[in-house]
Amino acid sequence: MASLSSLLGRTPYQPLQRHMEKVCSCAEEVPELFEHLFAGDVQALAQQRLRIAELENEADGIKNELRNNLPRKLFMSVDRRDLLEILDLQDSIADIAEDIADLLVSRTWQLSTELQEALRVFVRRAVDTALAARDVVRNVDKLAQGGLRRADTEVLFSHIDSVLRLEEESDVLQAEACRILFAEEERLNPVSVVLLYELLGWVGDLADYPKKVCNRLRLLVAP
């Protein structure tokens, strides 16, 4: 097992940074998952699902190690409960990526070209949101090492605002995908319709949880 110092690093944010790197590696695999789906490559889709499951398991390992070893009273500037709350929000990103993968391999899908393209753009923007949030977590750790000066904090807040804009764009793309699906409902069986709406909701969550991570970090580092 890793030592306490190697787990926690030099700032209270380093544990979050390590975990965020791993959960975002899960999210990065999701666009390729959809490309295999669109291509009808069942074998590649199944392999990609296994890849995401492996990464999610690694993220869970980091999360559990940190939960078990994070001292109750170590960092006076950051409450342990706040770190654990952000950790859980981050972990949801990996969980959602795995949920999406499990759903896609669970059945045969009949998606129109228009819906495929809407999904492709929507998924990419949701993942972009997660990766932008990863950059925020990286930066807050770097700032904490040098002291959270007001000017640096304002730069960080600007990065957080960029994440929020990406999430808003993701919401717009989700609405467009829902519009297309609504127009196609009559040609689809009811179960497929329900599952597709659920899928769209999960892709939306892939952008929503990174936003929640950033909003929580904003409260922690606010002057």
Protein backbone atom coordinates (compact mmCIF):
# COMPACT_ATOMS: atom_id res chain seq x y z
CA MET A 1 0.00 0.00 0.00
CA ALA A 2 1.20 3.52 -0.77
CA SER A 3 2.51 5.65 2.08
CA LEU A 4 0.33 8.41 3.49
CA SER A 5 2.63 11.10 2.11
CA SER A 6 2.58 9.64 -1.39
CA LEU A 7 -1.20 9.41 -1.26
CA LEU A 8 -1.78 12.96 -0.13
CA GLY A 9 1.07 14.87 -1.76
CA ARG A 10 2.01 18.41 -0.85
CA THR A 11 -1.48 19.96 -0.90
CA PRO A 12 -4.98 18.76 0.02
CA TYR A 13 -5.94 18.98 -3.65
CA GLN A 14 -3.40 16.48 -4.95
CA PRO A 15 -5.52 13.45 -3.99
CA LEU A 16 -8.38 14.94 -6.02
CA GLN A 17 -6.05 15.57 -8.94
CA ARG A 18 -4.86 11.96 -9.03
CA HIS A 19 -8.41 10.67 -8.96
CA MET A 20 -9.67 13.19 -11.54
CA GLU A 21 -6.98 12.11 -13.99
CA LYS A 22 -8.26 8.55 -13.82
CA VAL A 23 -11.98 9.29 -14.02
CA CYS A 24 -11.39 11.53 -17.03
CA SER A 25 -9.48 8.72 -18.71
CA CYS A 26 -12.80 6.84 -18.53
CA ALA A 27 -14.67 9.75 -20.09
CA GLU A 28 -12.11 10.05 -22.89
CA GLU A 29 -12.97 6.52 -24.02
CA VAL A 30 -16.69 7.25 -24.48
CA PRO A 31 -16.57 8.91 -27.95
CA GLU A 32 -14.79 5.87 -29.40
CA LEU A 33 -17.45 3.69 -27.81
CA PHE A 34 -20.11 5.50 -29.83
CA GLU A 35 -18.05 5.30 -33.02
CA HIS A 36 -17.95 1.51 -32.70
CA LEU A 37 -21.70 1.55 -32.12
CA PHE A 38 -22.34 3.65 -35.22
CA ALA A 39 -20.07 1.40 -37.29
CA GLY A 40 -21.92 -1.69 -36.10
CA ASP A 41 -18.69 -3.22 -34.80
CA VAL A 42 -20.05 -5.32 -31.94
CA GLN A 43 -16.70 -6.87 -31.06
CA ALA A 44 -14.89 -3.53 -30.87
CA LEU A 45 -17.80 -2.12 -28.86
CA ALA A 46 -17.48 -4.94 -26.34
CA GLN A 47 -13.72 -4.45 -26.10
CA GLN A 48 -14.16 -0.73 -25.53
CA ARG A 49 -16.67 -1.45 -22.80
CA LEU A 50 -14.11 -3.68 -21.07
CA ARG A 51 -11.51 -0.92 -21.37
CA ILE A 52 -13.83 1.57 -19.67
CA ALA A 53 -14.71 -0.95 -16.95
CA GLU A 54 -11.01 -1.49 -16.27
CA LEU A 55 -10.37 2.24 -15.95
CA GLU A 56 -13.43 2.70 -13.74
CA ASN A 57 -12.17 -0.06 -11.47
CA GLU A 58 -8.80 1.71 -11.21
CA ALA A 59 -10.60 4.95 -10.34
CA ASP A 60 -12.53 3.11 -7.63
CA GLY A 61 -9.25 1.80 -6.26
CA ILE A 62 -7.83 5.31 -5.97
CA LYS A 63 -11.07 6.57 -4.41
CA ASN A 64 -11.22 3.81 -1.82
CA GLU A 65 -7.54 4.17 -0.95
CA LEU A 66 -7.99 7.87 -0.37
CA ARG A 67 -11.18 7.40 1.66
CA ASN A 68 -9.47 4.87 3.89
CA ASN A 69 -6.31 6.91 4.46
CA LEU A 70 -7.36 10.56 4.43
CA PRO A 71 -6.81 11.79 8.01
CA ARG A 72 -9.67 13.48 9.78
CA LYS A 73 -7.48 16.36 10.94
CA LEU A 74 -4.58 17.13 8.65
CA PHE A 75 -5.26 20.16 6.47
CA MET A 76 -6.57 23.14 8.38
CA SER A 77 -7.48 25.02 5.18
CA VAL A 78 -9.70 22.30 3.70
CA ASP A 79 -12.25 20.22 5.55
CA ARG A 80 -11.95 16.48 5.00
CA ARG A 81 -15.68 16.30 4.29
CA ASP A 82 -15.30 18.79 1.44
CA LEU A 83 -12.55 16.72 -0.15
CA LEU A 84 -14.63 13.56 0.13
CA GLU A 85 -17.66 15.31 -1.36
CA ILE A 86 -15.65 16.41 -4.39
CA LEU A 87 -14.14 12.94 -4.62
CA ASP A 88 -17.64 11.45 -4.88
CA LEU A 89 -18.66 13.98 -7.53
CA GLN A 90 -15.58 13.14 -9.56
CA ASP A 91 -16.21 9.43 -9.17
CA SER A 92 -19.64 9.83 -10.72
CA ILE A 93 -17.94 10.75 -14.00
CA ALA A 94 -16.31 7.33 -14.22
CA ASP A 95 -19.48 5.58 -13.04
CA ILE A 96 -21.54 7.27 -15.75
CA ALA A 97 -19.01 6.37 -18.44
CA GLU A 98 -19.30 2.73 -17.39
CA ASP A 99 -23.11 2.92 -17.25
CA ILE A 100 -23.16 4.26 -20.80
CA ALA A 101 -20.86 1.47 -21.97
CA ASP A 102 -22.96 -1.21 -20.28
CA LEU A 103 -26.15 0.13 -21.84
CA LEU A 104 -24.70 0.32 -25.35
CA VAL A 105 -23.57 -3.31 -25.34
CA SER A 106 -26.82 -4.57 -23.81
CA ARG A 107 -28.90 -4.52 -26.99
CA THR A 108 -29.00 -3.84 -30.72
CA TRP A 109 -29.61 -0.20 -31.56
CA GLN A 110 -31.24 1.27 -34.66
CA LEU A 111 -30.18 4.89 -34.90
CA SER A 112 -30.88 7.20 -37.80
CA THR A 113 -28.01 9.08 -39.40
CA GLU A 114 -29.38 12.33 -38.00
CA LEU A 115 -29.55 10.97 -34.47
CA GLN A 116 -26.08 9.47 -34.77
CA GLU A 117 -24.62 12.82 -35.74
CA ALA A 118 -26.46 14.60 -32.94
CA LEU A 119 -25.13 12.03 -30.47
CA ARG A 120 -21.60 12.33 -31.82
CA VAL A 121 -21.50 16.09 -31.26
CA PHE A 122 -23.28 15.87 -27.91
CA VAL A 123 -20.95 13.19 -26.56
CA ARG A 124 -17.88 15.09 -27.67
CA ARG A 125 -19.02 18.26 -25.94
CA ALA A 126 -19.85 16.39 -22.73
CA VAL A 127 -16.38 14.85 -22.70
CA ASP A 128 -14.82 18.24 -23.44
CA THR A 129 -16.57 19.52 -20.32
CA ALA A 130 -15.05 16.75 -18.22
CA LEU A 131 -11.57 17.40 -19.60
CA ALA A 132 -11.90 21.12 -18.96
CA ALA A 133 -12.84 20.34 -15.36
CA ARG A 134 -9.76 18.14 -15.13
CA ASP A 135 -7.67 21.16 -16.08
CA VAL A 136 -9.33 23.16 -13.30
CA VAL A 137 -8.42 20.48 -10.75
CA ARG A 138 -4.85 20.48 -12.05
CA ASN A 139 -4.63 24.24 -11.73
CA VAL A 140 -6.11 24.49 -8.26
CA ASP A 141 -3.47 22.04 -7.06
CA LYS A 142 -0.68 24.10 -8.64
CA LEU A 143 -2.07 27.29 -7.14
CA ALA A 144 -2.34 25.73 -3.70
CA GLN A 145 1.34 24.78 -3.82
CA GLY A 146 2.27 28.42 -4.37
CA GLY A 147 -0.46 29.93 -2.22
CA LEU A 148 -3.89 30.94 -3.47
CA ARG A 149 -3.29 34.59 -4.37
CA ARG A 150 -6.31 36.64 -5.37
CA ALA A 151 -5.11 37.24 -8.94
CA ASP A 152 -4.45 33.54 -9.43
CA THR A 153 -7.82 32.69 -7.95
CA GLU A 154 -9.52 34.98 -10.46
CA VAL A 155 -7.77 33.13 -13.29
CA LEU A 156 -8.98 29.86 -11.83
CA PHE A 157 -12.53 31.21 -11.63
CA SER A 158 -12.27 32.15 -15.31
CA HIS A 159 -11.38 28.55 -16.11
CA ILE A 160 -14.32 27.36 -14.04
CA ASP A 161 -16.61 29.69 -15.97
CA SER A 162 -15.34 28.08 -19.18
CA VAL A 163 -16.40 24.69 -17.84
CA LEU A 164 -19.85 26.06 -17.06
CA ARG A 165 -20.18 27.40 -20.60
CA LEU A 166 -19.25 24.02 -22.04
CA GLU A 167 -21.87 22.38 -19.84
CA GLU A 168 -24.47 24.87 -21.07
CA GLU A 169 -23.52 24.04 -24.66
CA SER A 170 -23.91 20.37 -23.78
CA ASP A 171 -27.43 21.10 -22.50
CA VAL A 172 -28.31 22.70 -25.84
CA LEU A 173 -26.97 19.70 -27.74
CA GLN A 174 -28.90 17.36 -25.46
CA ALA A 175 -32.10 19.24 -26.21
CA GLU A 176 -31.41 18.94 -29.93
CA ALA A 177 -30.81 15.19 -29.65
CA CYS A 178 -34.05 14.87 -27.68
CA ARG A 179 -35.89 16.80 -30.38
CA ILE A 180 -34.63 14.42 -33.05
CA LEU A 181 -35.53 11.39 -30.96
CA PHE A 182 -39.01 12.76 -30.29
CA ALA A 183 -39.57 13.09 -34.04
CA GLU A 184 -38.50 9.47 -34.56
CA GLU A 185 -40.40 7.86 -31.70
CA GLU A 186 -43.12 6.34 -33.89
CA ARG A 187 -40.67 4.19 -35.84
CA LEU A 188 -38.99 2.86 -32.68
CA ASN A 189 -40.29 0.33 -30.18
CA PRO A 190 -41.24 1.78 -26.78
CA VAL A 191 -38.38 0.11 -24.92
CA SER A 192 -35.82 1.59 -27.30
CA VAL A 193 -37.34 5.04 -26.87
CA VAL A 194 -37.16 4.84 -23.08
CA LEU A 195 -33.56 3.59 -23.14
CA LEU A 196 -32.48 6.24 -25.63
CA TYR A 197 -33.84 9.01 -23.43
CA GLU A 198 -32.02 7.42 -20.51
CA LEU A 199 -28.85 7.31 -22.59
CA LEU A 200 -29.18 10.99 -23.46
CA GLY A 201 -29.63 11.77 -19.78
CA TRP A 202 -26.45 9.91 -18.88
CA VAL A 203 -24.44 11.69 -21.54
CA GLY A 204 -25.78 14.93 -20.08
CA ASP A 205 -24.60 13.80 -16.64
CA LEU A 206 -21.14 13.29 -18.11
CA ALA A 207 -21.04 17.09 -18.44
CA ASP A 208 -23.12 17.92 -15.38
CA TYR A 209 -20.89 16.27 -12.78
CA PRO A 210 -17.75 18.09 -13.95
CA LYS A 211 -19.71 21.32 -13.53
CA LYS A 212 -20.62 20.28 -9.98
CA VAL A 213 -16.96 19.54 -9.23
CA CYS A 214 -15.96 23.00 -10.40
CA ASN A 215 -18.74 24.75 -8.51
CA ARG A 216 -17.68 22.98 -5.32
CA LEU A 217 -14.04 23.91 -5.87
CA ARG A 218 -15.04 27.53 -6.40
CA LEU A 219 -16.58 27.60 -2.93
CA LEU A 220 -13.46 26.06 -1.40
CA VAL A 221 -10.93 28.48 -2.87
CA ALA A 222 -13.04 31.65 -2.80
CA PRO A 223 -11.24 34.45 -0.89
